[in-house]
Amino acid sequence: MESIREKYRDHEQTVEYLDSFYMRYCPSDKVLDVKDYIQDLTDQKNLWDHISLNETQSPNYFAYHRTSMEISVRVYKYNKSQTFYNVFENRIQASIDGIDVENVAQ
């Protein structure tokens, strides 16, 4: 039973990390494809009642978000840091053209 709870918490936490990363560090006016990533997460959240926990543990379940998963975990602890956000924002604003989520994740 504890294993099931842990898997469920891990899944929820992954969604929280990704959602937080996209919303905080990927402004839609600069990051051209962020809406697609947010929409995919929203779609996955809407399916929670219709999928099994085992399906969420599949290696391909978050395949669309694979490039942003590691960075989303690493920067989550800085979400409330205005200084970190300002530095991050300055780097994104310095890009002349729009960028994509994959570039932000690097």
PDB file of N, CA and C in Angstrom:
ATOM      1  N   MET A   1       0.823  -1.195   0.000  1.00  0.00           N
ATOM      2  CA  MET A   1       0.000   0.000   0.000  1.00  0.00           C
ATOM      3  C   MET A   1       0.869   1.261   0.000  1.00  0.00           C
ATOM      4  N   GLU A   2       1.929   1.247   0.789  1.00  0.00           N
ATOM      5  CA  GLU A   2       2.821   2.407   0.851  1.00  0.00           C
ATOM      6  C   GLU A   2       3.462   2.674  -0.507  1.00  0.00           C
ATOM      7  N   SER A   3       3.785   1.618  -1.218  1.00  0.00           N
ATOM      8  CA  SER A   3       4.381   1.746  -2.542  1.00  0.00           C
ATOM      9  C   SER A   3       3.434   2.471  -3.502  1.00  0.00           C
ATOM     10  N   ILE A   4       2.166   2.177  -3.412  1.00  0.00           N
ATOM     11  CA  ILE A   4       1.169   2.825  -4.269  1.00  0.00           C
ATOM     12  C   ILE A   4       1.084   4.309  -3.943  1.00  0.00           C
ATOM     13  N   ARG A   5       1.048   4.634  -2.674  1.00  0.00           N
ATOM     14  CA  ARG A   5       1.002   6.044  -2.267  1.00  0.00           C
ATOM     15  C   ARG A   5       2.241   6.796  -2.751  1.00  0.00           C
ATOM     16  N   GLU A   6       3.377   6.159  -2.615  1.00  0.00           N
ATOM     17  CA  GLU A   6       4.627   6.791  -3.027  1.00  0.00           C
ATOM     18  C   GLU A   6       4.640   7.049  -4.534  1.00  0.00           C
ATOM     19  N   LYS A   7       4.193   6.082  -5.304  1.00  0.00           N
ATOM     20  CA  LYS A   7       4.124   6.256  -6.757  1.00  0.00           C
ATOM     21  C   LYS A   7       3.160   7.379  -7.122  1.00  0.00           C
ATOM     22  N   TYR A   8       2.041   7.428  -6.446  1.00  0.00           N
ATOM     23  CA  TYR A   8       1.061   8.482  -6.704  1.00  0.00           C
ATOM     24  C   TYR A   8       1.649   9.854  -6.371  1.00  0.00           C
ATOM     25  N   ARG A   9       2.320   9.962  -5.226  1.00  0.00           N
ATOM     26  CA  ARG A   9       2.954  11.233  -4.835  1.00  0.00           C
ATOM     27  C   ARG A   9       4.035  11.630  -5.835  1.00  0.00           C
ATOM     28  N   ASP A  10       4.819  10.665  -6.276  1.00  0.00           N
ATOM     29  CA  ASP A  10       5.861  10.946  -7.266  1.00  0.00           C
ATOM     30  C   ASP A  10       5.257  11.486  -8.558  1.00  0.00           C
ATOM     31  N   HIS A  11       4.166  10.861  -8.969  1.00  0.00           N
ATOM     32  CA  HIS A  11       3.495  11.309 -10.191  1.00  0.00           C
ATOM     33  C   HIS A  11       2.964  12.738 -10.024  1.00  0.00           C
ATOM     34  N   GLU A  12       2.283  12.999  -8.936  1.00  0.00           N
ATOM     35  CA  GLU A  12       1.764  14.346  -8.680  1.00  0.00           C
ATOM     36  C   GLU A  12       2.890  15.372  -8.608  1.00  0.00           C
ATOM     37  N   GLN A  13       3.977  14.998  -7.980  1.00  0.00           N
ATOM     38  CA  GLN A  13       5.109  15.906  -7.835  1.00  0.00           C
ATOM     39  C   GLN A  13       5.740  16.213  -9.196  1.00  0.00           C
ATOM     40  N   THR A  14       5.859  15.218 -10.038  1.00  0.00           N
ATOM     41  CA  THR A  14       6.399  15.437 -11.379  1.00  0.00           C
ATOM     42  C   THR A  14       5.538  16.422 -12.147  1.00  0.00           C
ATOM     43  N   VAL A  15       4.239  16.253 -12.075  1.00  0.00           N
ATOM     44  CA  VAL A  15       3.323  17.177 -12.750  1.00  0.00           C
ATOM     45  C   VAL A  15       3.476  18.586 -12.176  1.00  0.00           C
ATOM     46  N   GLU A  16       3.593  18.696 -10.869  1.00  0.00           N
ATOM     47  CA  GLU A  16       3.772  19.997 -10.218  1.00  0.00           C
ATOM     48  C   GLU A  16       5.076  20.656 -10.661  1.00  0.00           C
ATOM     49  N   TYR A  17       6.156  19.910 -10.704  1.00  0.00           N
ATOM     50  CA  TYR A  17       7.449  20.455 -11.137  1.00  0.00           C
ATOM     51  C   TYR A  17       7.364  20.977 -12.567  1.00  0.00           C
ATOM     52  N   LEU A  18       6.808  20.158 -13.446  1.00  0.00           N
ATOM     53  CA  LEU A  18       6.707  20.553 -14.848  1.00  0.00           C
ATOM     54  C   LEU A  18       5.805  21.768 -15.023  1.00  0.00           C
ATOM     55  N   ASP A  19       4.643  21.733 -14.405  1.00  0.00           N
ATOM     56  CA  ASP A  19       3.701  22.844 -14.510  1.00  0.00           C
ATOM     57  C   ASP A  19       4.331  24.135 -13.994  1.00  0.00           C
ATOM     58  N   SER A  20       4.987  24.053 -12.884  1.00  0.00           N
ATOM     59  CA  SER A  20       5.637  25.214 -12.288  1.00  0.00           C
ATOM     60  C   SER A  20       6.731  25.758 -13.207  1.00  0.00           C
ATOM     61  N   PHE A  21       7.520  24.877 -13.783  1.00  0.00           N
ATOM     62  CA  PHE A  21       8.590  25.290 -14.696  1.00  0.00           C
ATOM     63  C   PHE A  21       8.023  26.023 -15.906  1.00  0.00           C
ATOM     64  N   TYR A  22       7.012  25.435 -16.535  1.00  0.00           N
ATOM     65  CA  TYR A  22       6.438  26.055 -17.726  1.00  0.00           C
ATOM     66  C   TYR A  22       5.803  27.406 -17.404  1.00  0.00           C
ATOM     67  N   MET A  23       5.088  27.481 -16.314  1.00  0.00           N
ATOM     68  CA  MET A  23       4.381  28.717 -15.966  1.00  0.00           C
ATOM     69  C   MET A  23       5.341  29.822 -15.516  1.00  0.00           C
ATOM     70  N   ARG A  24       6.367  29.470 -14.779  1.00  0.00           N
ATOM     71  CA  ARG A  24       7.260  30.477 -14.197  1.00  0.00           C
ATOM     72  C   ARG A  24       8.400  30.870 -15.135  1.00  0.00           C
ATOM     73  N   TYR A  25       8.978  29.911 -15.823  1.00  0.00           N
ATOM     74  CA  TYR A  25      10.218  30.169 -16.553  1.00  0.00           C
ATOM     75  C   TYR A  25      10.097  30.134 -18.073  1.00  0.00           C
ATOM     76  N   CYS A  26       8.910  29.941 -18.585  1.00  0.00           N
ATOM     77  CA  CYS A  26       8.716  29.880 -20.036  1.00  0.00           C
ATOM     78  C   CYS A  26       7.612  30.851 -20.455  1.00  0.00           C
ATOM     79  N   PRO A  27       7.906  32.150 -20.479  1.00  0.00           N
ATOM     80  CA  PRO A  27       6.871  33.118 -20.859  1.00  0.00           C
ATOM     81  C   PRO A  27       6.396  32.870 -22.293  1.00  0.00           C
ATOM     82  N   SER A  28       5.106  32.832 -22.468  1.00  0.00           N
ATOM     83  CA  SER A  28       4.546  32.460 -23.771  1.00  0.00           C
ATOM     84  C   SER A  28       4.858  33.467 -24.875  1.00  0.00           C
ATOM     85  N   ASP A  29       5.217  34.694 -24.511  1.00  0.00           N
ATOM     86  CA  ASP A  29       5.582  35.657 -25.551  1.00  0.00           C
ATOM     87  C   ASP A  29       6.992  35.415 -26.089  1.00  0.00           C
ATOM     88  N   LYS A  30       7.802  34.651 -25.386  1.00  0.00           N
ATOM     89  CA  LYS A  30       9.160  34.334 -25.832  1.00  0.00           C
ATOM     90  C   LYS A  30       9.353  32.856 -26.167  1.00  0.00           C
ATOM     91  N   VAL A  31       8.676  31.994 -25.446  1.00  0.00           N
ATOM     92  CA  VAL A  31       8.843  30.548 -25.641  1.00  0.00           C
ATOM     93  C   VAL A  31       7.679  30.063 -26.500  1.00  0.00           C
ATOM     94  N   LEU A  32       7.991  29.863 -27.758  1.00  0.00           N
ATOM     95  CA  LEU A  32       6.960  29.664 -28.768  1.00  0.00           C
ATOM     96  C   LEU A  32       6.083  28.430 -28.564  1.00  0.00           C
ATOM     97  N   ASP A  33       6.644  27.353 -28.054  1.00  0.00           N
ATOM     98  CA  ASP A  33       5.876  26.109 -27.968  1.00  0.00           C
ATOM     99  C   ASP A  33       5.410  25.756 -26.561  1.00  0.00           C
ATOM    100  N   VAL A  34       5.528  26.673 -25.621  1.00  0.00           N
ATOM    101  CA  VAL A  34       5.177  26.353 -24.234  1.00  0.00           C
ATOM    102  C   VAL A  34       3.692  26.011 -24.078  1.00  0.00           C
ATOM    103  N   LYS A  35       2.848  26.605 -24.887  1.00  0.00           N
ATOM    104  CA  LYS A  35       1.413  26.307 -24.791  1.00  0.00           C
ATOM    105  C   LYS A  35       1.129  24.839 -25.095  1.00  0.00           C
ATOM    106  N   ASP A  36       1.904  24.255 -26.008  1.00  0.00           N
ATOM    107  CA  ASP A  36       1.738  22.833 -26.326  1.00  0.00           C
ATOM    108  C   ASP A  36       2.085  21.960 -25.122  1.00  0.00           C
ATOM    109  N   TYR A  37       3.143  22.331 -24.419  1.00  0.00           N
ATOM    110  CA  TYR A  37       3.566  21.572 -23.236  1.00  0.00           C
ATOM    111  C   TYR A  37       2.535  21.704 -22.113  1.00  0.00           C
ATOM    112  N   ILE A  38       2.052  22.909 -21.910  1.00  0.00           N
ATOM    113  CA  ILE A  38       1.040  23.133 -20.872  1.00  0.00           C
ATOM    114  C   ILE A  38      -0.243  22.387 -21.222  1.00  0.00           C
ATOM    115  N   GLN A  39      -0.618  22.418 -22.491  1.00  0.00           N
ATOM    116  CA  GLN A  39      -1.825  21.712 -22.923  1.00  0.00           C
ATOM    117  C   GLN A  39      -1.683  20.206 -22.720  1.00  0.00           C
ATOM    118  N   ASP A  40      -0.512  19.665 -23.015  1.00  0.00           N
ATOM    119  CA  ASP A  40      -0.298  18.236 -22.809  1.00  0.00           C
ATOM    120  C   ASP A  40      -0.427  17.872 -21.329  1.00  0.00           C
ATOM    121  N   LEU A  41       0.135  18.696 -20.451  1.00  0.00           N
ATOM    122  CA  LEU A  41      -0.007  18.451 -19.009  1.00  0.00           C
ATOM    123  C   LEU A  41      -1.463  18.535 -18.575  1.00  0.00           C
ATOM    124  N   THR A  42      -2.174  19.519 -19.083  1.00  0.00           N
ATOM    125  CA  THR A  42      -3.595  19.675 -18.760  1.00  0.00           C
ATOM    126  C   THR A  42      -4.380  18.452 -19.220  1.00  0.00           C
ATOM    127  N   ASP A  43      -4.085  17.994 -20.423  1.00  0.00           N
ATOM    128  CA  ASP A  43      -4.757  16.794 -20.939  1.00  0.00           C
ATOM    129  C   ASP A  43      -4.477  15.585 -20.050  1.00  0.00           C
ATOM    130  N   GLN A  44      -3.234  15.453 -19.613  1.00  0.00           N
ATOM    131  CA  GLN A  44      -2.888  14.333 -18.735  1.00  0.00           C
ATOM    132  C   GLN A  44      -3.620  14.436 -17.398  1.00  0.00           C
ATOM    133  N   LYS A  45      -3.712  15.645 -16.857  1.00  0.00           N
ATOM    134  CA  LYS A  45      -4.437  15.831 -15.589  1.00  0.00           C
ATOM    135  C   LYS A  45      -5.906  15.458 -15.750  1.00  0.00           C
ATOM    136  N   ASN A  46      -6.486  15.816 -16.878  1.00  0.00           N
ATOM    137  CA  ASN A  46      -7.898  15.518 -17.126  1.00  0.00           C
ATOM    138  C   ASN A  46      -8.160  14.023 -17.289  1.00  0.00           C
ATOM    139  N   LEU A  47      -7.130  13.267 -17.597  1.00  0.00           N
ATOM    140  CA  LEU A  47      -7.275  11.820 -17.780  1.00  0.00           C
ATOM    141  C   LEU A  47      -7.005  11.021 -16.512  1.00  0.00           C
ATOM    142  N   TRP A  48      -6.620  11.666 -15.434  1.00  0.00           N
ATOM    143  CA  TRP A  48      -6.256  10.963 -14.202  1.00  0.00           C
ATOM    144  C   TRP A  48      -7.323   9.987 -13.740  1.00  0.00           C
ATOM    145  N   ASP A  49      -8.567  10.316 -13.919  1.00  0.00           N
ATOM    146  CA  ASP A  49      -9.641   9.421 -13.479  1.00  0.00           C
ATOM    147  C   ASP A  49      -9.818   8.216 -14.401  1.00  0.00           C
ATOM    148  N   HIS A  50      -9.162   8.252 -15.563  1.00  0.00           N
ATOM    149  CA  HIS A  50      -9.386   7.214 -16.565  1.00  0.00           C
ATOM    150  C   HIS A  50      -8.159   6.359 -16.854  1.00  0.00           C
ATOM    151  N   ILE A  51      -7.075   6.585 -16.138  1.00  0.00           N
ATOM    152  CA  ILE A  51      -5.872   5.784 -16.361  1.00  0.00           C
ATOM    153  C   ILE A  51      -5.440   5.129 -15.056  1.00  0.00           C
ATOM    154  N   SER A  52      -4.660   4.096 -15.198  1.00  0.00           N
ATOM    155  CA  SER A  52      -4.183   3.386 -14.003  1.00  0.00           C
ATOM    156  C   SER A  52      -2.842   3.965 -13.557  1.00  0.00           C
ATOM    157  N   LEU A  53      -2.512   3.713 -12.327  1.00  0.00           N
ATOM    158  CA  LEU A  53      -1.228   4.155 -11.793  1.00  0.00           C
ATOM    159  C   LEU A  53      -0.088   3.495 -12.562  1.00  0.00           C
ATOM    160  N   ASN A  54      -0.280   2.261 -12.966  1.00  0.00           N
ATOM    161  CA  ASN A  54       0.748   1.564 -13.748  1.00  0.00           C
ATOM    162  C   ASN A  54       1.027   2.271 -15.064  1.00  0.00           C
ATOM    163  N   GLU A  55      -0.007   2.791 -15.697  1.00  0.00           N
ATOM    164  CA  GLU A  55       0.187   3.519 -16.949  1.00  0.00           C
ATOM    165  C   GLU A  55       1.033   4.768 -16.730  1.00  0.00           C
ATOM    166  N   THR A  56       0.856   5.424 -15.604  1.00  0.00           N
ATOM    167  CA  THR A  56       1.635   6.638 -15.329  1.00  0.00           C
ATOM    168  C   THR A  56       3.095   6.325 -15.044  1.00  0.00           C
ATOM    169  N   GLN A  57       3.394   5.074 -14.728  1.00  0.00           N
ATOM    170  CA  GLN A  57       4.771   4.665 -14.450  1.00  0.00           C
ATOM    171  C   GLN A  57       5.521   4.246 -15.713  1.00  0.00           C
ATOM    172  N   SER A  58       4.832   4.205 -16.820  1.00  0.00           N
ATOM    173  CA  SER A  58       5.456   3.835 -18.086  1.00  0.00           C
ATOM    174  C   SER A  58       6.551   4.844 -18.442  1.00  0.00           C
ATOM    175  N   PRO A  59       7.687   4.376 -18.969  1.00  0.00           N
ATOM    176  CA  PRO A  59       8.773   5.294 -19.335  1.00  0.00           C
ATOM    177  C   PRO A  59       8.352   6.329 -20.381  1.00  0.00           C
ATOM    178  N   ASN A  60       7.329   6.010 -21.158  1.00  0.00           N
ATOM    179  CA  ASN A  60       6.888   6.928 -22.206  1.00  0.00           C
ATOM    180  C   ASN A  60       5.780   7.875 -21.761  1.00  0.00           C
ATOM    181  N   TYR A  61       5.320   7.741 -20.542  1.00  0.00           N
ATOM    182  CA  TYR A  61       4.189   8.550 -20.093  1.00  0.00           C
ATOM    183  C   TYR A  61       4.496  10.049 -20.165  1.00  0.00           C
ATOM    184  N   PHE A  62       5.677  10.452 -19.756  1.00  0.00           N
ATOM    185  CA  PHE A  62       6.079  11.857 -19.829  1.00  0.00           C
ATOM    186  C   PHE A  62       7.076  12.100 -20.962  1.00  0.00           C
ATOM    187  N   ALA A  63       7.037  11.293 -21.998  1.00  0.00           N
ATOM    188  CA  ALA A  63       8.010  11.391 -23.089  1.00  0.00           C
ATOM    189  C   ALA A  63       8.044  12.791 -23.701  1.00  0.00           C
ATOM    190  N   TYR A  64       6.900  13.407 -23.862  1.00  0.00           N
ATOM    191  CA  TYR A  64       6.827  14.751 -24.452  1.00  0.00           C
ATOM    192  C   TYR A  64       7.592  15.763 -23.598  1.00  0.00           C
ATOM    193  N   HIS A  65       7.697  15.511 -22.322  1.00  0.00           N
ATOM    194  CA  HIS A  65       8.306  16.450 -21.377  1.00  0.00           C
ATOM    195  C   HIS A  65       9.712  16.030 -20.948  1.00  0.00           C
ATOM    196  N   ARG A  66      10.239  15.016 -21.559  1.00  0.00           N
ATOM    197  CA  ARG A  66      11.519  14.454 -21.135  1.00  0.00           C
ATOM    198  C   ARG A  66      12.630  15.499 -21.057  1.00  0.00           C
ATOM    199  N   THR A  67      12.709  16.405 -22.028  1.00  0.00           N
ATOM    200  CA  THR A  67      13.800  17.390 -22.037  1.00  0.00           C
ATOM    201  C   THR A  67      13.682  18.403 -20.907  1.00  0.00           C
ATOM    202  N   SER A  68      12.502  18.620 -20.387  1.00  0.00           N
ATOM    203  CA  SER A  68      12.337  19.619 -19.326  1.00  0.00           C
ATOM    204  C   SER A  68      12.192  19.022 -17.934  1.00  0.00           C
ATOM    205  N   MET A  69      12.168  17.719 -17.823  1.00  0.00           N
ATOM    206  CA  MET A  69      11.942  17.108 -16.505  1.00  0.00           C
ATOM    207  C   MET A  69      13.073  17.390 -15.525  1.00  0.00           C
ATOM    208  N   GLU A  70      14.305  17.200 -15.936  1.00  0.00           N
ATOM    209  CA  GLU A  70      15.428  17.388 -15.011  1.00  0.00           C
ATOM    210  C   GLU A  70      15.530  18.839 -14.551  1.00  0.00           C
ATOM    211  N   ILE A  71      15.438  19.773 -15.480  1.00  0.00           N
ATOM    212  CA  ILE A  71      15.558  21.188 -15.102  1.00  0.00           C
ATOM    213  C   ILE A  71      14.377  21.614 -14.242  1.00  0.00           C
ATOM    214  N   SER A  72      13.203  21.066 -14.503  1.00  0.00           N
ATOM    215  CA  SER A  72      12.036  21.454 -13.701  1.00  0.00           C
ATOM    216  C   SER A  72      12.216  21.054 -12.239  1.00  0.00           C
ATOM    217  N   VAL A  73      12.858  19.923 -12.009  1.00  0.00           N
ATOM    218  CA  VAL A  73      13.136  19.483 -10.635  1.00  0.00           C
ATOM    219  C   VAL A  73      14.201  20.378 -10.006  1.00  0.00           C
ATOM    220  N   ARG A  74      15.245  20.689 -10.777  1.00  0.00           N
ATOM    221  CA  ARG A  74      16.355  21.484 -10.233  1.00  0.00           C
ATOM    222  C   ARG A  74      15.956  22.912  -9.889  1.00  0.00           C
ATOM    223  N   VAL A  75      15.089  23.533 -10.682  1.00  0.00           N
ATOM    224  CA  VAL A  75      14.749  24.940 -10.424  1.00  0.00           C
ATOM    225  C   VAL A  75      13.535  25.113  -9.518  1.00  0.00           C
ATOM    226  N   TYR A  76      12.837  24.042  -9.226  1.00  0.00           N
ATOM    227  CA  TYR A  76      11.622  24.143  -8.411  1.00  0.00           C
ATOM    228  C   TYR A  76      11.893  24.816  -7.069  1.00  0.00           C
ATOM    229  N   LYS A  77      13.012  24.503  -6.463  1.00  0.00           N
ATOM    230  CA  LYS A  77      13.335  25.075  -5.147  1.00  0.00           C
ATOM    231  C   LYS A  77      13.593  26.576  -5.215  1.00  0.00           C
ATOM    232  N   TYR A  78      13.789  27.112  -6.415  1.00  0.00           N
ATOM    233  CA  TYR A  78      14.040  28.547  -6.577  1.00  0.00           C
ATOM    234  C   TYR A  78      12.794  29.323  -7.001  1.00  0.00           C
ATOM    235  N   ASN A  79      11.655  28.682  -7.042  1.00  0.00           N
ATOM    236  CA  ASN A  79      10.437  29.339  -7.525  1.00  0.00           C
ATOM    237  C   ASN A  79      10.101  30.626  -6.790  1.00  0.00           C
ATOM    238  N   LYS A  80      10.417  30.690  -5.525  1.00  0.00           N
ATOM    239  CA  LYS A  80      10.092  31.882  -4.742  1.00  0.00           C
ATOM    240  C   LYS A  80      11.235  32.893  -4.710  1.00  0.00           C
ATOM    241  N   SER A  81      12.341  32.571  -5.357  1.00  0.00           N
ATOM    242  CA  SER A  81      13.495  33.466  -5.376  1.00  0.00           C
ATOM    243  C   SER A  81      13.358  34.472  -6.518  1.00  0.00           C
ATOM    244  N   GLN A  82      13.127  35.712  -6.171  1.00  0.00           N
ATOM    245  CA  GLN A  82      12.999  36.755  -7.185  1.00  0.00           C
ATOM    246  C   GLN A  82      14.333  36.988  -7.891  1.00  0.00           C
ATOM    247  N   THR A  83      15.432  36.870  -7.165  1.00  0.00           N
ATOM    248  CA  THR A  83      16.756  37.058  -7.765  1.00  0.00           C
ATOM    249  C   THR A  83      17.006  36.017  -8.847  1.00  0.00           C
ATOM    250  N   PHE A  84      16.750  34.755  -8.536  1.00  0.00           N
ATOM    251  CA  PHE A  84      16.936  33.697  -9.524  1.00  0.00           C
ATOM    252  C   PHE A  84      16.036  33.943 -10.728  1.00  0.00           C
ATOM    253  N   TYR A  85      14.806  34.300 -10.473  1.00  0.00           N
ATOM    254  CA  TYR A  85      13.871  34.560 -11.564  1.00  0.00           C
ATOM    255  C   TYR A  85      14.360  35.707 -12.445  1.00  0.00           C
ATOM    256  N   ASN A  86      14.858  36.779 -11.832  1.00  0.00           N
ATOM    257  CA  ASN A  86      15.339  37.929 -12.599  1.00  0.00           C
ATOM    258  C   ASN A  86      16.504  37.550 -13.510  1.00  0.00           C
ATOM    259  N   VAL A  87      17.441  36.782 -12.996  1.00  0.00           N
ATOM    260  CA  VAL A  87      18.574  36.336 -13.810  1.00  0.00           C
ATOM    261  C   VAL A  87      18.072  35.476 -14.964  1.00  0.00           C
ATOM    262  N   PHE A  88      17.196  34.554 -14.663  1.00  0.00           N
ATOM    263  CA  PHE A  88      16.628  33.670 -15.675  1.00  0.00           C
ATOM    264  C   PHE A  88      15.870  34.485 -16.725  1.00  0.00           C
ATOM    265  N   GLU A  89      15.064  35.410 -16.268  1.00  0.00           N
ATOM    266  CA  GLU A  89      14.259  36.248 -17.162  1.00  0.00           C
ATOM    267  C   GLU A  89      15.145  37.102 -18.063  1.00  0.00           C
ATOM    268  N   ASN A  90      16.206  37.658 -17.523  1.00  0.00           N
ATOM    269  CA  ASN A  90      17.131  38.468 -18.324  1.00  0.00           C
ATOM    270  C   ASN A  90      17.748  37.653 -19.448  1.00  0.00           C
ATOM    271  N   ARG A  91      18.082  36.421 -19.171  1.00  0.00           N
ATOM    272  CA  ARG A  91      18.675  35.570 -20.207  1.00  0.00           C
ATOM    273  C   ARG A  91      17.659  35.259 -21.301  1.00  0.00           C
ATOM    274  N   ILE A  92      16.421  35.036 -20.914  1.00  0.00           N
ATOM    275  CA  ILE A  92      15.388  34.744 -21.915  1.00  0.00           C
ATOM    276  C   ILE A  92      15.071  35.999 -22.728  1.00  0.00           C
ATOM    277  N   GLN A  93      14.956  37.133 -22.067  1.00  0.00           N
ATOM    278  CA  GLN A  93      14.644  38.382 -22.762  1.00  0.00           C
ATOM    279  C   GLN A  93      15.763  38.788 -23.714  1.00  0.00           C
ATOM    280  N   ALA A  94      16.983  38.353 -23.440  1.00  0.00           N
ATOM    281  CA  ALA A  94      18.117  38.684 -24.297  1.00  0.00           C
ATOM    282  C   ALA A  94      18.052  37.965 -25.639  1.00  0.00           C
ATOM    283  N   SER A  95      17.293  36.892 -25.702  1.00  0.00           N
ATOM    284  CA  SER A  95      17.176  36.188 -26.976  1.00  0.00           C
ATOM    285  C   SER A  95      16.334  37.031 -27.923  1.00  0.00           C
ATOM    286  N   ILE A  96      16.853  37.239 -29.102  1.00  0.00           N
ATOM    287  CA  ILE A  96      16.210  38.128 -30.073  1.00  0.00           C
ATOM    288  C   ILE A  96      14.929  37.507 -30.621  1.00  0.00           C
ATOM    289  N   ASP A  97      15.026  36.284 -31.051  1.00  0.00           N
ATOM    290  CA  ASP A  97      13.868  35.580 -31.599  1.00  0.00           C
ATOM    291  C   ASP A  97      13.238  34.720 -30.522  1.00  0.00           C
ATOM    292  N   GLY A  98      12.057  34.229 -30.816  1.00  0.00           N
ATOM    293  CA  GLY A  98      11.415  33.303 -29.889  1.00  0.00           C
ATOM    294  C   GLY A  98      12.235  32.028 -29.774  1.00  0.00           C
ATOM    295  N   ILE A  99      12.163  31.412 -28.644  1.00  0.00           N
ATOM    296  CA  ILE A  99      12.879  30.163 -28.415  1.00  0.00           C
ATOM    297  C   ILE A  99      11.866  29.080 -28.068  1.00  0.00           C
ATOM    298  N   ASP A 100      12.340  27.865 -27.936  1.00  0.00           N
ATOM    299  CA  ASP A 100      11.418  26.789 -27.571  1.00  0.00           C
ATOM    300  C   ASP A 100      11.764  26.244 -26.186  1.00  0.00           C
ATOM    301  N   VAL A 101      10.881  25.422 -25.665  1.00  0.00           N
ATOM    302  CA  VAL A 101      11.038  24.879 -24.314  1.00  0.00           C
ATOM    303  C   VAL A 101      12.352  24.120 -24.194  1.00  0.00           C
ATOM    304  N   GLU A 102      12.718  23.403 -25.227  1.00  0.00           N
ATOM    305  CA  GLU A 102      13.961  22.633 -25.187  1.00  0.00           C
ATOM    306  C   GLU A 102      15.164  23.548 -24.955  1.00  0.00           C
ATOM    307  N   ASN A 103      15.187  24.716 -25.593  1.00  0.00           N
ATOM    308  CA  ASN A 103      16.289  25.671 -25.385  1.00  0.00           C
ATOM    309  C   ASN A 103      16.288  26.212 -23.971  1.00  0.00           C
ATOM    310  N   VAL A 104      15.132  26.500 -23.423  1.00  0.00           N
ATOM    311  CA  VAL A 104      15.043  27.001 -22.051  1.00  0.00           C
ATOM    312  C   VAL A 104      15.551  25.937 -21.090  1.00  0.00           C
ATOM    313  N   ALA A 105      15.217  24.694 -21.353  1.00  0.00           N
ATOM    314  CA  ALA A 105      15.612  23.594 -20.471  1.00  0.00           C
ATOM    315  C   ALA A 105      17.118  23.365 -20.465  1.00  0.00           C
ATOM    316  N   GLN A 106      17.797  23.826 -21.493  1.00  0.00           N
ATOM    317  CA  GLN A 106      19.245  23.649 -21.545  1.00  0.00           C
ATOM    318  C   GLN A 106      19.874  24.711 -20.703  1.00  0.00           C
TER     319      GLN A 106
END
